Protein backbone atom coordinates (compact mmCIF):
# COMPACT_ATOMS: atom_id res chain seq x y z
CA MET A 1 111.84 103.10 60.00
CA ASN A 2 108.82 104.58 57.90
CA ILE A 3 105.86 103.56 60.24
CA PRO A 4 102.70 105.11 58.47
CA SER A 5 100.79 107.15 61.07
CA LEU A 6 97.56 105.33 62.81
CA LYS A 7 96.34 108.97 64.01
CA GLU A 8 93.58 109.13 61.72
CA VAL A 9 92.86 105.01 61.87
CA VAL A 10 92.24 104.86 65.85
CA SER A 11 89.97 106.56 67.93
CA GLU A 12 91.58 110.13 70.18
CA GLN A 13 90.79 108.34 73.47
CA GLU A 14 93.41 105.11 71.93
CA TRP A 15 95.60 107.83 70.02
CA ASN A 16 96.38 109.57 73.47
CA LEU A 17 96.72 106.49 75.16
CA ARG A 18 99.71 105.46 72.72
CA VAL A 19 101.40 108.44 72.89
CA ASP A 20 101.59 108.39 76.67
CA LEU A 21 103.05 104.82 76.45
CA ALA A 22 105.51 105.45 73.67
CA ALA A 23 106.67 108.63 75.59
CA CYS A 24 106.64 105.90 78.77
CA TYR A 25 108.86 103.61 76.67
CA ARG A 26 111.58 106.58 75.78
CA LEU A 27 111.27 107.48 79.45
CA VAL A 28 112.06 104.20 80.55
CA ALA A 29 115.42 104.15 78.20
CA LEU A 30 116.22 107.48 79.33
CA TYR A 31 116.14 106.63 82.87
CA GLY A 32 118.50 103.43 82.18
CA TRP A 33 115.76 100.95 83.26
CA SER A 34 115.58 98.95 79.46
CA ASP A 35 117.29 95.75 78.78
CA LEU A 36 118.13 96.00 75.21
CA VAL A 37 114.77 94.98 73.22
CA PHE A 38 113.33 92.93 76.16
CA THR A 39 110.95 93.62 78.67
CA HIS A 40 107.62 95.24 78.27
CA ILE A 41 105.29 97.95 78.90
CA SER A 42 101.47 97.82 78.13
CA ALA A 43 98.43 99.53 78.33
CA ARG A 44 94.89 98.26 78.23
CA ILE A 45 92.66 100.28 76.04
CA PRO A 46 89.22 101.47 77.23
CA GLY A 47 85.83 99.00 76.39
CA PRO A 48 84.51 96.21 76.70
CA GLU A 49 86.82 94.11 73.63
CA HIS A 50 89.73 93.79 76.43
CA HIS A 51 92.57 94.64 73.98
CA PHE A 52 95.83 96.30 74.74
CA LEU A 53 99.27 97.85 73.93
CA ILE A 54 102.17 96.60 73.61
CA ASN A 55 105.81 97.31 72.41
CA PRO A 56 106.80 95.73 68.77
CA TYR A 57 109.35 93.14 69.42
CA GLY A 58 112.64 94.09 68.34
CA LEU A 59 112.69 97.84 68.78
CA MET A 60 114.81 99.32 71.19
CA PHE A 61 112.75 101.37 73.67
CA ASP A 62 114.05 104.98 72.33
CA GLU A 63 112.61 104.30 69.19
CA ILE A 64 108.99 103.25 69.95
CA THR A 65 106.63 105.47 68.62
CA ALA A 66 102.36 106.17 69.31
CA SER A 67 102.01 104.12 65.82
CA SER A 68 104.31 101.04 65.86
CA LEU A 69 102.71 99.95 69.49
CA VAL A 70 101.20 96.48 68.44
CA LYS A 71 97.31 96.11 69.52
CA VAL A 72 96.69 93.26 70.32
CA ASP A 73 93.52 90.91 71.85
CA GLN A 74 93.92 88.76 75.24
CA GLN A 75 94.87 85.39 72.51
CA CYS A 76 97.65 87.90 71.53
CA ASN A 77 96.26 88.18 68.24
CA LYS A 78 96.74 91.64 66.52
CA VAL A 79 94.02 93.66 66.07
CA ILE A 80 95.56 96.12 63.82
CA ASP A 81 98.03 94.44 61.14
CA SER A 82 101.76 95.45 62.24
CA PRO A 83 105.18 94.08 60.43
CA PHE A 84 106.50 93.74 64.55
CA PRO A 85 105.79 90.10 66.63
CA VAL A 86 104.92 90.45 70.53
CA ASN A 87 107.40 89.19 72.82
CA PRO A 88 105.88 85.67 74.14
CA ALA A 89 106.88 86.20 77.44
CA GLY A 90 105.61 90.07 78.15
CA PHE A 91 102.31 88.42 76.64
CA VAL A 92 102.12 85.51 79.28
CA ILE A 93 102.59 87.99 82.39
CA HIS A 94 101.01 91.10 80.82
CA SER A 95 97.75 89.73 79.67
CA CYS A 96 97.12 87.39 82.98
CA ILE A 97 97.63 91.14 84.90
CA HIS A 98 95.26 92.79 82.57
CA GLU A 99 92.89 90.18 82.91
CA ALA A 100 93.00 89.94 86.85
CA ARG A 101 92.90 93.62 87.20
CA GLU A 102 90.02 95.79 86.29
CA ASP A 103 92.09 98.45 87.72
CA ALA A 104 95.62 97.66 85.62
CA GLY A 105 95.29 100.53 82.55
CA CYS A 106 99.40 100.24 82.50
CA VAL A 107 101.39 97.54 83.29
CA LEU A 108 105.38 98.31 83.36
CA HIS A 109 107.85 95.34 83.60
CA THR A 110 111.90 95.83 84.01
CA HIS A 111 114.88 93.99 84.08
CA SER A 112 117.59 96.73 85.61
CA ARG A 113 120.63 96.10 87.72
CA ALA A 114 119.48 97.42 90.63
CA GLY A 115 115.66 96.16 90.87
CA VAL A 116 117.10 92.09 89.36
CA ALA A 117 119.59 92.57 92.28
CA VAL A 118 117.28 93.67 94.90
CA SER A 119 115.24 90.37 93.46
CA THR A 120 117.56 87.71 94.30
CA GLN A 121 118.35 89.25 98.17
CA LYS A 122 116.07 86.57 100.82
CA CYS A 123 115.37 90.26 102.81
CA GLY A 124 113.65 91.46 99.89
CA VAL A 125 112.89 95.04 99.83
CA LEU A 126 114.05 96.66 102.98
CA PRO A 127 112.12 99.68 104.59
CA VAL A 128 115.45 102.01 104.85
CA SER A 129 114.57 104.57 102.66
CA GLN A 130 111.43 107.79 102.38
CA GLN A 131 111.09 105.80 99.01
CA SER A 132 110.88 101.94 100.12
CA THR A 133 107.98 103.63 102.64
CA PHE A 134 105.73 103.97 99.61
CA VAL A 135 106.74 100.89 97.98
CA CYS A 136 106.50 98.90 100.94
CA ALA A 137 103.20 99.64 101.95
CA SER A 138 101.91 97.55 98.39
CA LEU A 139 104.69 95.45 97.74
CA ALA A 140 103.88 91.57 96.61
CA TYR A 141 106.78 89.16 95.31
CA HIS A 142 106.56 86.31 92.53
CA ASP A 143 109.13 83.25 93.26
CA TYR A 144 110.66 82.23 89.78
CA GLU A 145 109.76 79.64 87.76
CA GLY A 146 111.98 80.36 84.48
CA VAL A 147 110.88 82.54 81.58
CA ALA A 148 107.44 83.10 81.78
CA LEU A 149 106.48 81.21 78.62
CA ARG A 150 103.61 78.88 80.35
CA ASP A 151 100.27 79.46 80.79
CA ASP A 152 99.75 77.46 84.15
CA GLU A 153 102.23 80.85 85.57
CA LYS A 154 99.40 83.15 85.06
CA PRO A 155 96.89 81.93 88.43
CA ARG A 156 100.08 82.34 90.66
CA LEU A 157 101.30 85.37 89.07
CA GLN A 158 97.52 86.98 89.65
CA LYS A 159 97.10 85.15 93.25
CA ASP A 160 100.71 86.56 94.15
CA LEU A 161 100.17 90.21 93.22
CA GLY A 162 96.55 90.52 94.55
CA ASP A 163 95.25 94.09 95.41
CA LYS A 164 99.08 95.23 95.36
CA THR A 165 100.89 98.05 93.45
CA PHE A 166 104.61 96.69 93.43
CA LEU A 167 105.40 93.41 92.58
CA MET A 168 108.98 91.68 92.96
CA LEU A 169 109.50 88.97 90.68
CA ARG A 170 112.13 86.87 92.45
CA ASN A 171 115.71 86.40 90.72
CA HIS A 172 113.88 88.38 87.40
CA GLY A 173 112.68 92.13 88.32
CA LEU A 174 110.13 94.59 89.22
CA LEU A 175 106.57 95.05 87.79
CA VAL A 176 104.05 97.85 89.34
CA VAL A 177 100.52 98.40 87.67
CA GLY A 178 98.96 101.31 87.59
CA LYS A 179 95.29 102.87 86.66
CA THR A 180 97.54 105.02 83.87
CA VAL A 181 100.49 104.92 82.40
CA PRO A 182 101.89 108.22 84.57
CA ASP A 183 100.97 106.50 87.33
CA ALA A 184 102.85 103.18 86.73
CA PHE A 185 105.77 105.50 85.48
CA LEU A 186 105.55 106.80 88.60
CA SER A 187 105.27 104.14 90.89
CA MET A 188 108.37 102.02 88.65
CA TYR A 189 110.60 105.56 89.06
CA THR A 190 109.67 104.91 93.08
CA PHE A 191 110.81 101.38 92.87
CA GLU A 192 113.78 101.54 90.89
CA ASN A 193 115.25 103.96 93.46
CA THR A 194 114.30 102.23 96.08
CA CYS A 195 116.17 99.51 94.88
CA ARG A 196 119.36 101.45 93.98
CA ILE A 197 119.35 103.42 97.26
CA GLN A 198 119.26 99.81 99.11
CA ILE A 199 121.92 98.64 97.32
CA ASP A 200 124.37 101.94 97.77
CA ALA A 201 122.99 101.47 101.38
CA GLN A 202 124.43 97.99 101.80
CA ALA A 203 127.84 98.45 100.62
CA GLY A 204 128.09 100.80 103.82
CA GLY A 205 127.77 100.23 107.41
CA GLU A 206 124.69 99.27 109.80
CA LEU A 207 121.09 99.88 108.11
CA ILE A 208 118.84 101.97 109.99
CA GLN A 209 115.09 100.35 109.36
CA VAL A 210 112.24 103.15 109.20
CA ASP A 211 109.49 102.37 112.00
CA PRO A 212 107.11 100.40 110.21
CA ARG A 213 104.52 102.46 111.60
CA ILE A 214 105.12 105.38 109.70
CA MET A 215 104.16 103.57 106.64
CA ASP A 216 100.55 103.58 107.88
CA ASN A 217 98.19 105.20 105.01
CA MET A 218 100.63 106.03 102.70
CA GLY A 219 98.53 106.43 100.01
CA GLN A 220 96.67 109.50 101.45
CA VAL A 221 100.66 110.71 102.43
CA LEU A 222 101.41 110.26 98.44
CA LYS A 223 98.23 112.31 97.08
CA THR A 224 99.25 114.96 99.86
CA VAL A 225 102.65 115.47 98.52
CA THR A 226 101.50 115.47 94.90
CA ALA A 227 98.98 117.93 95.48
CA GLY A 228 96.69 115.77 94.68
CA GLN A 229 97.18 115.57 91.41
CA GLY A 230 99.09 112.03 91.63
CA ALA A 231 101.53 110.91 88.56
CA ASN A 232 99.53 114.22 86.57
CA LEU A 233 102.01 116.53 88.87
CA ALA A 234 104.87 115.47 87.28
CA TRP A 235 103.82 114.01 83.74
CA PRO A 236 103.54 116.98 81.50
CA ALA A 237 107.39 117.75 82.81
CA LEU A 238 108.12 114.62 81.75
CA LEU A 239 106.93 114.59 78.28
CA ARG A 240 108.80 118.42 78.26
CA LYS A 241 112.18 116.77 79.04
CA LEU A 242 111.43 113.98 76.24
CA ASP A 243 110.73 116.73 73.56
CA ARG A 244 113.82 118.11 74.39
CA THR A 245 115.67 115.03 73.93
CA ASN A 246 113.91 112.61 72.31
CA PRO A 247 111.09 113.60 70.48
CA GLY A 248 108.92 111.60 67.94
CA TYR A 249 107.68 109.48 70.24
CA ALA A 250 103.88 111.04 69.21
CA ASN A 251 104.35 109.76 65.56
């Protein structure tokens, strides 16, 4: 595909955000969380306009580049012309969360096999792994209402998410919010592994659950284990991995 570069068209801040978001799409594909051209990752562009970037509907996640991302407003109008449409279900889910959460710089949603599997279980996420302790400390649930095409579902999505980082969409999949793209990716990495571990563990013997007292103050624990850098500790290494395996995201 020959997509003209937007590097000289948009601000440096927006371009850097586009590069991170395109990298995030390719990392989601690399780790096996994508669902063909479906599901979405969005990022809010800083500023009073409340514009955000979302995937060009029809491209595989490992094809997405910084310049191919679609810039839209809160009404899903394209701010910069693009030959690609926007998935309407993706717009409903992501726009309402960006609207309600000023801290949600990035919203990442998946339909992975393990994530959907756990979303169908009445018990939800079980505190049976170290990974799950980070998730359970900031986890919310939203009941399935069909494919997210209706605006009337937005208030319920916003209310159910509240101030949490992790949202399990019942019978549907996983969603996380992050202040930045790297933050959202690290949270989804933890959420996805939590679900994979749970499904694997349930295939064996009786499960041992983590003492709930251990989940107190997990925010501070995360700061400690990431040397105070949060997701920025791993993000440069992840970009180097992409540069080795699937370069071109920064075009």
